[in-house]
């Protein structure tokens, strides 16, 4: 691969090996999206939409970078109606 740029290579390749931060995948209003959690609990910044109706990609409230409220998944409560399969 050849890169032609007037910028120094240190700036071009800065952060190349950094792993992207922790992401959360949630479904909100029928839209499956990838969020980057913020410092505020239950608030995330939209990274990208993974699965949504086509017209949702044009809505500004679902644009990457927008803040959205979500609730992190919790474990099912004890004594729920799920069957117990312990032997």
C-alpha atoms as a PDB file:
ATOM      1  CA  UNK A   1       0.000   0.000   0.000  1.00  0.00           C
ATOM      2  CA  UNK A   2       1.278   3.469  -0.860  1.00  0.00           C
ATOM      3  CA  UNK A   3       0.128   6.619   0.925  1.00  0.00           C
ATOM      4  CA  UNK A   4       0.771  10.015  -0.623  1.00  0.00           C
ATOM      5  CA  UNK A   5       0.292  12.729   1.978  1.00  0.00           C
ATOM      6  CA  UNK A   6       1.933  16.011   2.989  1.00  0.00           C
ATOM      7  CA  UNK A   7       1.402  15.083   6.661  1.00  0.00           C
ATOM      8  CA  UNK A   8       4.170  13.425   8.699  1.00  0.00           C
ATOM      9  CA  UNK A   9       3.746   9.663   8.973  1.00  0.00           C
ATOM     10  CA  UNK A  10       3.620   9.929  12.796  1.00  0.00           C
ATOM     11  CA  UNK A  11       0.357  11.885  12.505  1.00  0.00           C
ATOM     12  CA  UNK A  12      -1.106   9.645   9.826  1.00  0.00           C
ATOM     13  CA  UNK A  13      -0.460   6.437  11.772  1.00  0.00           C
ATOM     14  CA  UNK A  14      -1.150   7.859  15.248  1.00  0.00           C
ATOM     15  CA  UNK A  15      -3.508   5.516  17.088  1.00  0.00           C
ATOM     16  CA  UNK A  16      -3.303   2.813  14.434  1.00  0.00           C
ATOM     17  CA  UNK A  17      -2.791   0.038  16.987  1.00  0.00           C
ATOM     18  CA  UNK A  18      -5.143   1.368  19.674  1.00  0.00           C
ATOM     19  CA  UNK A  19      -8.097  -0.888  20.337  1.00  0.00           C
ATOM     20  CA  UNK A  20     -11.470   0.840  20.098  1.00  0.00           C
ATOM     21  CA  UNK A  21     -13.116   1.388  23.459  1.00  0.00           C
ATOM     22  CA  UNK A  22     -15.730  -0.835  25.077  1.00  0.00           C
ATOM     23  CA  UNK A  23     -18.946  -1.009  23.120  1.00  0.00           C
ATOM     24  CA  UNK A  24     -22.434  -2.073  24.118  1.00  0.00           C
ATOM     25  CA  UNK A  25     -24.910  -3.551  21.645  1.00  0.00           C
ATOM     26  CA  UNK A  26     -28.546  -2.795  22.495  1.00  0.00           C
ATOM     27  CA  UNK A  27     -31.939  -2.792  20.842  1.00  0.00           C
ATOM     28  CA  UNK A  28     -33.954   0.393  21.379  1.00  0.00           C
ATOM     29  CA  UNK A  29     -37.318   0.945  19.652  1.00  0.00           C
ATOM     30  CA  UNK A  30     -36.596  -1.915  17.244  1.00  0.00           C
ATOM     31  CA  UNK A  31     -33.166  -0.528  16.299  1.00  0.00           C
ATOM     32  CA  UNK A  32     -30.149  -2.732  17.020  1.00  0.00           C
ATOM     33  CA  UNK A  33     -27.207  -0.380  17.574  1.00  0.00           C
ATOM     34  CA  UNK A  34     -23.697  -0.189  18.925  1.00  0.00           C
ATOM     35  CA  UNK A  35     -23.131   2.325  21.735  1.00  0.00           C
ATOM     36  CA  UNK A  36     -20.096   3.678  23.491  1.00  0.00           C
ATOM     37  CA  UNK A  37     -20.988   4.115  27.183  1.00  0.00           C
ATOM     38  CA  UNK A  38     -20.424   7.553  28.722  1.00  0.00           C
ATOM     39  CA  UNK A  39     -19.594   8.454  32.308  1.00  0.00           C
ATOM     40  CA  UNK A  40     -23.291   8.941  33.098  1.00  0.00           C
ATOM     41  CA  UNK A  41     -24.967   5.589  33.866  1.00  0.00           C
ATOM     42  CA  UNK A  42     -27.545   4.536  31.286  1.00  0.00           C
ATOM     43  CA  UNK A  43     -26.374   7.060  28.655  1.00  0.00           C
ATOM     44  CA  UNK A  44     -24.435   6.041  25.552  1.00  0.00           C
ATOM     45  CA  UNK A  45     -23.152   7.643  22.378  1.00  0.00           C
ATOM     46  CA  UNK A  46     -24.280   5.981  19.148  1.00  0.00           C
ATOM     47  CA  UNK A  47     -21.350   4.479  17.251  1.00  0.00           C
ATOM     48  CA  UNK A  48     -23.364   2.867  14.450  1.00  0.00           C
ATOM     49  CA  UNK A  49     -26.683   1.267  13.643  1.00  0.00           C
ATOM     50  CA  UNK A  50     -26.357  -2.466  13.126  1.00  0.00           C
ATOM     51  CA  UNK A  51     -29.919  -3.295  12.090  1.00  0.00           C
ATOM     52  CA  UNK A  52     -32.798  -0.885  11.585  1.00  0.00           C
ATOM     53  CA  UNK A  53     -35.582  -0.048   9.156  1.00  0.00           C
ATOM     54  CA  UNK A  54     -34.100   1.889   6.249  1.00  0.00           C
ATOM     55  CA  UNK A  55     -35.819   5.195   7.064  1.00  0.00           C
ATOM     56  CA  UNK A  56     -34.209   5.213  10.554  1.00  0.00           C
ATOM     57  CA  UNK A  57     -30.796   5.778   8.964  1.00  0.00           C
ATOM     58  CA  UNK A  58     -32.030   9.222   7.851  1.00  0.00           C
ATOM     59  CA  UNK A  59     -33.329  10.313  11.273  1.00  0.00           C
ATOM     60  CA  UNK A  60     -31.048  12.727  13.108  1.00  0.00           C
ATOM     61  CA  UNK A  61     -31.798  11.214  16.539  1.00  0.00           C
ATOM     62  CA  UNK A  62     -30.179   7.932  15.410  1.00  0.00           C
ATOM     63  CA  UNK A  63     -27.118   9.541  13.790  1.00  0.00           C
ATOM     64  CA  UNK A  64     -23.672   8.463  15.016  1.00  0.00           C
ATOM     65  CA  UNK A  65     -22.485  10.681  17.849  1.00  0.00           C
ATOM     66  CA  UNK A  66     -25.943  11.297  19.302  1.00  0.00           C
ATOM     67  CA  UNK A  67     -26.515  10.544  22.981  1.00  0.00           C
ATOM     68  CA  UNK A  68     -29.232   8.036  23.807  1.00  0.00           C
ATOM     69  CA  UNK A  69     -30.623   6.562  27.010  1.00  0.00           C
ATOM     70  CA  UNK A  70     -30.356   2.813  27.519  1.00  0.00           C
ATOM     71  CA  UNK A  71     -30.469   0.405  30.423  1.00  0.00           C
ATOM     72  CA  UNK A  72     -27.621  -2.112  30.725  1.00  0.00           C
ATOM     73  CA  UNK A  73     -28.825  -5.704  30.657  1.00  0.00           C
ATOM     74  CA  UNK A  74     -29.272  -7.226  34.073  1.00  0.00           C
ATOM     75  CA  UNK A  75     -29.384 -10.858  35.086  1.00  0.00           C
ATOM     76  CA  UNK A  76     -32.857 -12.388  35.440  1.00  0.00           C
ATOM     77  CA  UNK A  77     -34.184 -12.011  38.964  1.00  0.00           C
ATOM     78  CA  UNK A  78     -34.144 -14.967  41.315  1.00  0.00           C
ATOM     79  CA  UNK A  79     -37.473 -16.755  41.567  1.00  0.00           C
ATOM     80  CA  UNK A  80     -38.534 -15.759  38.053  1.00  0.00           C
ATOM     81  CA  UNK A  81     -40.849 -17.967  36.031  1.00  0.00           C
ATOM     82  CA  UNK A  82     -37.906 -19.543  34.167  1.00  0.00           C
ATOM     83  CA  UNK A  83     -37.584 -23.292  34.857  1.00  0.00           C
ATOM     84  CA  UNK A  84     -34.726 -24.427  37.071  1.00  0.00           C
ATOM     85  CA  UNK A  85     -32.604 -27.054  35.323  1.00  0.00           C
ATOM     86  CA  UNK A  86     -30.247 -27.917  38.157  1.00  0.00           C
ATOM     87  CA  UNK A  87     -29.831 -31.659  38.711  1.00  0.00           C
END
